[in-house]
Amino acid sequence: MTVIAWDGKTLAADRQCGNNGTIEAITKIWRVRGHLLAGDGSAYLAKAMLQWWTDGAKPKDYPTAMWEANEGCYFWIITPDGVLSEFSTKFPIGIAVDAQPMAIGSGRRCALAVMHMGGDARKAIEVTSAIDVDCGQGMDILTLDEASVRLVAGE
């Protein structure tokens, strides 16, 4: 129930989260020390990854919940020069992803199609949220140049 898109300069994410049969709005992307971060999957695991990164991202301090959880999480860290690394639930080692544009979440295919047709990350989230029942509730947008926007559903 997520769509997160990266077009090489803009990171955008929907805000929809399912919680025991209800829909809530949460933040899925953040800026920490000049890096852009994104979490897809379990919101709890994404928050654990965010805290791990904020605390210095030492491999020995990798959240143990990541190894014990039955849920999954993909976590992106984008450096100030635009290099995206993806972390999975089980390993404290990121894999650099050269592909751009890039998208993750249940709405990733739609988002990638929009960006391959010339749309940016923001447009990818707008379109995906309009046609995918599992995405929506507004969006958050971050750029490497410090700009950020939050659009609430219905605006």
N, C-alpha and C. Protein backbone atom coordinates (compact mmCIF):
# COMPACT_ATOMS: atom_id res chain seq x y z
N MET A 1 0.83 -1.19 0.00
CA MET A 1 0.00 0.00 0.00
C MET A 1 0.87 1.24 0.00
N THR A 2 1.77 1.29 -0.95
CA THR A 2 2.72 2.40 -1.02
C THR A 2 3.12 2.63 -2.46
N VAL A 3 3.47 3.87 -2.76
CA VAL A 3 4.21 4.18 -3.97
C VAL A 3 5.20 5.29 -3.64
N ILE A 4 6.46 5.01 -3.93
CA ILE A 4 7.54 5.97 -3.73
C ILE A 4 8.30 6.04 -5.05
N ALA A 5 8.58 7.26 -5.52
CA ALA A 5 9.23 7.45 -6.82
C ALA A 5 10.43 8.39 -6.69
N TRP A 6 11.47 8.08 -7.44
CA TRP A 6 12.70 8.88 -7.51
C TRP A 6 13.01 9.09 -8.98
N ASP A 7 13.14 10.36 -9.38
CA ASP A 7 13.43 10.65 -10.79
C ASP A 7 14.84 11.18 -11.01
N GLY A 8 15.67 11.13 -9.99
CA GLY A 8 17.04 11.61 -10.10
C GLY A 8 17.28 12.91 -9.39
N LYS A 9 16.21 13.65 -9.08
CA LYS A 9 16.35 14.87 -8.30
C LYS A 9 15.20 15.08 -7.31
N THR A 10 14.08 14.42 -7.56
CA THR A 10 12.91 14.55 -6.69
C THR A 10 12.49 13.18 -6.17
N LEU A 11 12.24 13.13 -4.86
CA LEU A 11 11.71 11.93 -4.20
C LEU A 11 10.29 12.26 -3.78
N ALA A 12 9.35 11.43 -4.17
CA ALA A 12 7.94 11.67 -3.84
C ALA A 12 7.31 10.37 -3.35
N ALA A 13 6.38 10.50 -2.41
CA ALA A 13 5.71 9.32 -1.84
C ALA A 13 4.27 9.64 -1.51
N ASP A 14 3.41 8.65 -1.70
CA ASP A 14 2.04 8.80 -1.20
C ASP A 14 2.07 8.70 0.32
N ARG A 15 0.94 8.89 0.97
CA ARG A 15 0.88 8.89 2.43
C ARG A 15 -0.04 7.79 2.99
N GLN A 16 -0.58 6.94 2.11
CA GLN A 16 -1.55 5.95 2.57
C GLN A 16 -0.89 4.79 3.30
N CYS A 17 -1.51 4.40 4.40
CA CYS A 17 -1.05 3.27 5.20
C CYS A 17 -2.27 2.50 5.66
N GLY A 18 -2.23 1.19 5.53
CA GLY A 18 -3.31 0.35 6.04
C GLY A 18 -2.96 -0.12 7.44
N ASN A 19 -3.93 -0.04 8.34
CA ASN A 19 -3.70 -0.45 9.72
C ASN A 19 -4.94 -1.18 10.23
N ASN A 20 -4.88 -2.51 10.27
CA ASN A 20 -5.99 -3.32 10.76
C ASN A 20 -7.31 -2.98 10.07
N GLY A 21 -7.27 -2.86 8.76
CA GLY A 21 -8.48 -2.63 7.99
C GLY A 21 -8.89 -1.18 7.86
N THR A 22 -8.11 -0.26 8.42
CA THR A 22 -8.41 1.17 8.27
C THR A 22 -7.31 1.83 7.45
N ILE A 23 -7.62 2.98 6.88
CA ILE A 23 -6.64 3.74 6.10
C ILE A 23 -6.20 4.93 6.94
N GLU A 24 -4.90 5.11 7.02
CA GLU A 24 -4.31 6.24 7.74
C GLU A 24 -3.33 6.94 6.82
N ALA A 25 -2.91 8.14 7.19
CA ALA A 25 -1.91 8.88 6.43
C ALA A 25 -0.64 8.97 7.28
N ILE A 26 0.50 8.60 6.68
CA ILE A 26 1.78 8.66 7.38
C ILE A 26 2.85 9.24 6.44
N THR A 27 3.98 9.60 7.00
CA THR A 27 5.13 10.06 6.23
C THR A 27 6.03 8.87 5.92
N LYS A 28 6.45 8.76 4.66
CA LYS A 28 7.28 7.65 4.22
C LYS A 28 8.65 8.09 3.70
N ILE A 29 8.87 9.43 3.62
CA ILE A 29 10.16 9.95 3.16
C ILE A 29 10.63 11.03 4.13
N TRP A 30 11.96 11.14 4.28
CA TRP A 30 12.55 12.06 5.24
C TRP A 30 13.86 12.63 4.71
N ARG A 31 14.31 13.73 5.29
CA ARG A 31 15.61 14.31 5.00
C ARG A 31 16.42 14.26 6.30
N VAL A 32 17.58 13.63 6.25
CA VAL A 32 18.46 13.55 7.42
C VAL A 32 19.89 13.81 6.95
N ARG A 33 20.53 14.79 7.54
CA ARG A 33 21.93 15.13 7.23
C ARG A 33 22.18 15.26 5.72
N GLY A 34 21.28 15.91 5.01
CA GLY A 34 21.45 16.14 3.59
C GLY A 34 21.10 14.96 2.70
N HIS A 35 20.75 13.83 3.29
CA HIS A 35 20.36 12.64 2.53
C HIS A 35 18.83 12.55 2.50
N LEU A 36 18.30 11.97 1.44
CA LEU A 36 16.88 11.69 1.35
C LEU A 36 16.68 10.22 1.67
N LEU A 37 15.69 9.92 2.50
CA LEU A 37 15.42 8.55 2.94
C LEU A 37 13.97 8.20 2.62
N ALA A 38 13.73 6.92 2.34
CA ALA A 38 12.38 6.45 2.04
C ALA A 38 12.20 5.04 2.57
N GLY A 39 11.01 4.75 3.10
CA GLY A 39 10.71 3.42 3.60
C GLY A 39 9.44 2.86 3.01
N ASP A 40 9.51 1.63 2.52
CA ASP A 40 8.37 0.93 1.93
C ASP A 40 8.19 -0.40 2.65
N GLY A 41 6.97 -0.73 3.00
CA GLY A 41 6.69 -1.98 3.72
C GLY A 41 6.18 -1.64 5.10
N SER A 42 6.60 -2.43 6.07
CA SER A 42 6.17 -2.20 7.44
C SER A 42 6.58 -0.81 7.92
N ALA A 43 5.61 -0.02 8.36
CA ALA A 43 5.91 1.33 8.86
C ALA A 43 6.81 1.27 10.09
N TYR A 44 6.63 0.24 10.92
CA TYR A 44 7.45 0.10 12.11
C TYR A 44 8.90 -0.18 11.76
N LEU A 45 9.12 -1.05 10.78
CA LEU A 45 10.48 -1.35 10.36
C LEU A 45 11.12 -0.15 9.65
N ALA A 46 10.33 0.58 8.87
CA ALA A 46 10.85 1.78 8.23
C ALA A 46 11.28 2.80 9.28
N LYS A 47 10.50 2.95 10.34
CA LYS A 47 10.88 3.88 11.42
C LYS A 47 12.13 3.39 12.14
N ALA A 48 12.28 2.07 12.31
CA ALA A 48 13.50 1.53 12.92
C ALA A 48 14.71 1.83 12.05
N MET A 49 14.54 1.70 10.73
CA MET A 49 15.64 2.03 9.81
C MET A 49 15.96 3.52 9.86
N LEU A 50 14.93 4.36 9.91
CA LEU A 50 15.15 5.80 10.01
C LEU A 50 15.94 6.13 11.27
N GLN A 51 15.58 5.53 12.37
CA GLN A 51 16.30 5.78 13.63
C GLN A 51 17.74 5.29 13.54
N TRP A 52 17.95 4.11 12.94
CA TRP A 52 19.29 3.55 12.75
C TRP A 52 20.15 4.52 11.94
N TRP A 53 19.60 5.06 10.85
CA TRP A 53 20.34 6.01 10.02
C TRP A 53 20.62 7.29 10.79
N THR A 54 19.62 7.80 11.48
CA THR A 54 19.77 9.04 12.25
C THR A 54 20.85 8.89 13.32
N ASP A 55 20.96 7.70 13.90
CA ASP A 55 21.94 7.43 14.96
C ASP A 55 23.33 7.08 14.43
N GLY A 56 23.55 7.14 13.12
CA GLY A 56 24.89 6.91 12.59
C GLY A 56 25.06 5.71 11.69
N ALA A 57 24.04 4.86 11.54
CA ALA A 57 24.05 3.73 10.61
C ALA A 57 25.22 2.78 10.79
N LYS A 58 25.55 2.47 12.02
CA LYS A 58 26.63 1.51 12.28
C LYS A 58 26.08 0.09 12.09
N PRO A 59 26.78 -0.75 11.28
CA PRO A 59 26.27 -2.11 11.05
C PRO A 59 26.00 -2.87 12.36
N LYS A 60 26.82 -2.69 13.36
CA LYS A 60 26.62 -3.42 14.62
C LYS A 60 25.35 -2.97 15.35
N ASP A 61 24.82 -1.79 15.00
CA ASP A 61 23.61 -1.27 15.63
C ASP A 61 22.36 -1.48 14.77
N TYR A 62 22.50 -2.25 13.68
CA TYR A 62 21.35 -2.49 12.81
C TYR A 62 20.20 -3.05 13.64
N PRO A 63 18.99 -2.55 13.44
CA PRO A 63 17.86 -2.99 14.27
C PRO A 63 17.67 -4.50 14.25
N THR A 64 17.74 -5.12 15.41
CA THR A 64 17.56 -6.57 15.49
C THR A 64 16.17 -6.98 15.04
N ALA A 65 15.21 -6.09 15.14
CA ALA A 65 13.85 -6.40 14.67
C ALA A 65 13.87 -6.75 13.19
N MET A 66 14.85 -6.21 12.47
CA MET A 66 14.94 -6.50 11.04
C MET A 66 15.18 -7.98 10.78
N TRP A 67 15.92 -8.64 11.64
CA TRP A 67 16.22 -10.06 11.44
C TRP A 67 15.11 -10.95 11.98
N GLU A 68 14.33 -10.45 12.91
CA GLU A 68 13.32 -11.26 13.57
C GLU A 68 11.92 -11.08 13.00
N ALA A 69 11.70 -10.03 12.24
CA ALA A 69 10.36 -9.68 11.78
C ALA A 69 9.87 -10.62 10.67
N ASN A 70 8.59 -10.88 10.69
CA ASN A 70 7.95 -11.61 9.59
C ASN A 70 7.54 -10.65 8.49
N GLU A 71 7.55 -9.36 8.79
CA GLU A 71 7.20 -8.34 7.82
C GLU A 71 8.46 -7.92 7.07
N GLY A 72 8.28 -7.21 6.00
CA GLY A 72 9.41 -6.75 5.23
C GLY A 72 9.47 -5.24 5.16
N CYS A 73 10.61 -4.75 4.72
CA CYS A 73 10.80 -3.32 4.53
C CYS A 73 11.94 -3.11 3.54
N TYR A 74 11.72 -2.25 2.58
CA TYR A 74 12.80 -1.77 1.73
C TYR A 74 13.03 -0.32 2.12
N PHE A 75 14.29 0.04 2.21
CA PHE A 75 14.65 1.37 2.68
C PHE A 75 15.65 1.96 1.71
N TRP A 76 15.37 3.17 1.24
CA TRP A 76 16.28 3.87 0.34
C TRP A 76 17.04 4.94 1.10
N ILE A 77 18.30 5.08 0.76
CA ILE A 77 19.11 6.21 1.20
C ILE A 77 19.69 6.84 -0.06
N ILE A 78 19.39 8.11 -0.28
CA ILE A 78 19.87 8.83 -1.46
C ILE A 78 20.85 9.88 -0.97
N THR A 79 22.08 9.81 -1.46
CA THR A 79 23.13 10.74 -1.04
C THR A 79 22.88 12.12 -1.63
N PRO A 80 23.54 13.15 -1.08
CA PRO A 80 23.37 14.50 -1.62
C PRO A 80 23.73 14.63 -3.10
N ASP A 81 24.56 13.72 -3.62
CA ASP A 81 24.89 13.77 -5.04
C ASP A 81 23.99 12.84 -5.88
N GLY A 82 22.92 12.30 -5.28
CA GLY A 82 21.91 11.57 -6.03
C GLY A 82 22.11 10.08 -6.18
N VAL A 83 23.04 9.48 -5.43
CA VAL A 83 23.24 8.03 -5.50
C VAL A 83 22.24 7.34 -4.57
N LEU A 84 21.45 6.43 -5.12
CA LEU A 84 20.43 5.72 -4.36
C LEU A 84 20.97 4.34 -3.97
N SER A 85 20.89 4.03 -2.68
CA SER A 85 21.21 2.70 -2.19
C SER A 85 19.97 2.12 -1.54
N GLU A 86 19.74 0.84 -1.79
CA GLU A 86 18.57 0.16 -1.24
C GLU A 86 19.01 -0.86 -0.20
N PHE A 87 18.32 -0.84 0.93
CA PHE A 87 18.56 -1.79 2.01
C PHE A 87 17.32 -2.67 2.12
N SER A 88 17.52 -3.97 2.37
CA SER A 88 16.38 -4.84 2.60
C SER A 88 16.24 -5.07 4.09
N THR A 89 15.23 -5.83 4.45
CA THR A 89 14.93 -6.08 5.85
C THR A 89 16.08 -6.76 6.59
N LYS A 90 16.80 -7.63 5.94
CA LYS A 90 17.71 -8.52 6.66
C LYS A 90 19.17 -8.10 6.72
N PHE A 91 19.62 -7.15 5.90
CA PHE A 91 21.06 -6.89 5.81
C PHE A 91 21.39 -5.41 5.99
N PRO A 92 22.43 -5.10 6.80
CA PRO A 92 22.82 -3.70 7.02
C PRO A 92 23.76 -3.18 5.94
N ILE A 93 23.66 -3.73 4.74
CA ILE A 93 24.51 -3.31 3.63
C ILE A 93 23.61 -2.86 2.49
N GLY A 94 23.83 -1.64 2.02
CA GLY A 94 23.02 -1.12 0.92
C GLY A 94 23.60 -1.51 -0.42
N ILE A 95 22.72 -1.66 -1.39
CA ILE A 95 23.11 -1.96 -2.76
C ILE A 95 22.82 -0.71 -3.59
N ALA A 96 23.85 -0.16 -4.23
CA ALA A 96 23.65 1.01 -5.09
C ALA A 96 22.81 0.62 -6.30
N VAL A 97 21.81 1.42 -6.60
CA VAL A 97 20.91 1.17 -7.71
C VAL A 97 21.19 2.22 -8.78
N ASP A 98 21.63 1.78 -9.93
CA ASP A 98 21.98 2.71 -11.00
C ASP A 98 20.78 3.16 -11.81
N ALA A 99 19.70 2.38 -11.80
CA ALA A 99 18.54 2.68 -12.63
C ALA A 99 17.86 3.97 -12.16
N GLN A 100 17.54 4.81 -13.10
CA GLN A 100 16.72 5.99 -12.84
C GLN A 100 15.83 6.16 -14.06
N PRO A 101 14.57 6.40 -13.90
CA PRO A 101 13.89 6.58 -12.63
C PRO A 101 13.74 5.25 -11.89
N MET A 102 13.33 5.37 -10.62
CA MET A 102 13.17 4.21 -9.76
C MET A 102 11.89 4.38 -8.95
N ALA A 103 11.23 3.27 -8.66
CA ALA A 103 10.02 3.31 -7.83
C ALA A 103 9.93 2.03 -7.03
N ILE A 104 9.33 2.12 -5.85
CA ILE A 104 9.06 0.94 -5.02
C ILE A 104 7.64 1.03 -4.49
N GLY A 105 7.16 -0.10 -3.99
CA GLY A 105 5.83 -0.17 -3.42
C GLY A 105 4.86 -0.86 -4.36
N SER A 106 3.66 -1.05 -3.88
CA SER A 106 2.65 -1.75 -4.67
C SER A 106 2.29 -0.98 -5.94
N GLY A 107 2.50 0.33 -5.96
CA GLY A 107 2.20 1.15 -7.13
C GLY A 107 3.40 1.42 -8.03
N ARG A 108 4.49 0.68 -7.84
CA ARG A 108 5.73 0.98 -8.56
C ARG A 108 5.61 0.87 -10.07
N ARG A 109 4.87 -0.11 -10.57
CA ARG A 109 4.79 -0.27 -12.03
C ARG A 109 4.12 0.93 -12.69
N CYS A 110 3.05 1.39 -12.10
CA CYS A 110 2.36 2.56 -12.63
C CYS A 110 3.28 3.78 -12.56
N ALA A 111 3.95 3.97 -11.42
CA ALA A 111 4.84 5.13 -11.26
C ALA A 111 5.97 5.10 -12.27
N LEU A 112 6.56 3.92 -12.49
CA LEU A 112 7.63 3.81 -13.48
C LEU A 112 7.12 4.12 -14.88
N ALA A 113 5.92 3.67 -15.20
CA ALA A 113 5.35 3.95 -16.52
C ALA A 113 5.18 5.45 -16.73
N VAL A 114 4.68 6.14 -15.71
CA VAL A 114 4.50 7.59 -15.81
C VAL A 114 5.84 8.27 -16.05
N MET A 115 6.86 7.87 -15.29
CA MET A 115 8.17 8.52 -15.44
C MET A 115 8.83 8.16 -16.77
N HIS A 116 8.63 6.95 -17.25
CA HIS A 116 9.18 6.57 -18.56
C HIS A 116 8.49 7.31 -19.69
N MET A 117 7.28 7.81 -19.44
CA MET A 117 6.57 8.59 -20.44
C MET A 117 6.85 10.09 -20.31
N GLY A 118 7.82 10.46 -19.45
CA GLY A 118 8.23 11.85 -19.34
C GLY A 118 7.77 12.56 -18.09
N GLY A 119 6.96 11.94 -17.27
CA GLY A 119 6.53 12.57 -16.02
C GLY A 119 7.63 12.52 -14.98
N ASP A 120 7.55 13.41 -14.01
CA ASP A 120 8.51 13.40 -12.91
C ASP A 120 7.95 12.59 -11.74
N ALA A 121 8.70 12.54 -10.64
CA ALA A 121 8.27 11.75 -9.49
C ALA A 121 6.93 12.23 -8.93
N ARG A 122 6.74 13.53 -8.88
CA ARG A 122 5.47 14.06 -8.38
C ARG A 122 4.30 13.59 -9.24
N LYS A 123 4.43 13.69 -10.55
CA LYS A 123 3.37 13.26 -11.46
C LYS A 123 3.13 11.75 -11.31
N ALA A 124 4.21 11.00 -11.10
CA ALA A 124 4.08 9.55 -10.92
C ALA A 124 3.21 9.22 -9.71
N ILE A 125 3.39 9.96 -8.61
CA ILE A 125 2.58 9.72 -7.41
C ILE A 125 1.14 10.17 -7.65
N GLU A 126 0.96 11.32 -8.31
CA GLU A 126 -0.39 11.81 -8.61
C GLU A 126 -1.19 10.79 -9.41
N VAL A 127 -0.60 10.29 -10.50
CA VAL A 127 -1.31 9.36 -11.37
C VAL A 127 -1.56 8.04 -10.65
N THR A 128 -0.54 7.51 -10.00
CA THR A 128 -0.71 6.23 -9.30
C THR A 128 -1.79 6.34 -8.23
N SER A 129 -1.79 7.44 -7.48
CA SER A 129 -2.79 7.62 -6.43
C SER A 129 -4.20 7.74 -7.00
N ALA A 130 -4.31 8.24 -8.22
CA ALA A 130 -5.62 8.39 -8.85
C ALA A 130 -6.20 7.07 -9.34
N ILE A 131 -5.34 6.10 -9.66
CA ILE A 131 -5.86 4.86 -10.25
C ILE A 131 -5.61 3.61 -9.43
N ASP A 132 -4.77 3.67 -8.41
CA ASP A 132 -4.46 2.49 -7.60
C ASP A 132 -5.13 2.64 -6.23
N VAL A 133 -6.05 1.77 -5.91
CA VAL A 133 -6.82 1.85 -4.68
C VAL A 133 -5.92 1.74 -3.43
N ASP A 134 -4.74 1.17 -3.57
CA ASP A 134 -3.85 0.99 -2.43
C ASP A 134 -2.90 2.17 -2.21
N CYS A 135 -3.04 3.23 -2.98
CA CYS A 135 -2.16 4.39 -2.85
C CYS A 135 -3.01 5.65 -2.74
N GLY A 136 -2.47 6.66 -2.07
CA GLY A 136 -3.20 7.92 -1.97
C GLY A 136 -2.97 8.64 -0.66
N GLN A 137 -3.98 9.34 -0.19
CA GLN A 137 -3.95 10.13 1.05
C GLN A 137 -2.96 11.28 0.99
N GLY A 138 -2.78 11.85 -0.20
CA GLY A 138 -1.86 12.97 -0.37
C GLY A 138 -0.45 12.48 -0.67
N MET A 139 0.50 13.41 -0.64
CA MET A 139 1.88 13.03 -0.93
C MET A 139 2.85 13.97 -0.26
N ASP A 140 4.06 13.46 -0.06
CA ASP A 140 5.19 14.26 0.40
C ASP A 140 6.21 14.28 -0.72
N ILE A 141 6.89 15.41 -0.89
CA ILE A 141 7.87 15.59 -1.95
C ILE A 141 9.12 16.23 -1.36
N LEU A 142 10.27 15.63 -1.65
CA LEU A 142 11.56 16.19 -1.22
C LEU A 142 12.47 16.27 -2.44
N THR A 143 13.30 17.31 -2.49
CA THR A 143 14.31 17.41 -3.54
C THR A 143 15.67 17.57 -2.88
N LEU A 144 16.70 17.24 -3.63
CA LEU A 144 18.05 17.33 -3.09
C LEU A 144 18.44 18.78 -2.76
N ASP A 145 17.76 19.74 -3.38
CA ASP A 145 18.09 21.15 -3.13
C ASP A 145 17.32 21.76 -1.96
N GLU A 146 16.84 20.88 -1.06
CA GLU A 146 16.18 21.30 0.20
C GLU A 146 14.70 21.65 0.07
N ALA A 147 14.14 21.66 -1.11
CA ALA A 147 12.71 21.97 -1.24
C ALA A 147 11.89 20.79 -0.72
N SER A 148 10.78 21.09 -0.07
CA SER A 148 9.87 20.03 0.38
C SER A 148 8.44 20.53 0.31
N VAL A 149 7.53 19.61 0.03
CA VAL A 149 6.11 19.94 -0.12
C VAL A 149 5.30 18.82 0.48
N ARG A 150 4.20 19.15 1.13
CA ARG A 150 3.22 18.14 1.54
C ARG A 150 1.90 18.54 0.93
N LEU A 151 1.31 17.62 0.17
CA LEU A 151 -0.01 17.83 -0.39
C LEU A 151 -0.97 16.88 0.29
N VAL A 152 -2.01 17.42 0.87
CA VAL A 152 -3.00 16.61 1.58
C VAL A 152 -4.02 16.12 0.56
N ALA A 153 -4.51 14.90 0.78
CA ALA A 153 -5.50 14.33 -0.12
C ALA A 153 -6.65 15.30 -0.33
N GLY A 154 -7.06 15.46 -1.58
CA GLY A 154 -8.18 16.34 -1.89
C GLY A 154 -7.75 17.74 -2.31
N GLU A 155 -6.46 18.06 -2.18
CA GLU A 155 -6.01 19.40 -2.59
C GLU A 155 -5.80 19.46 -4.08
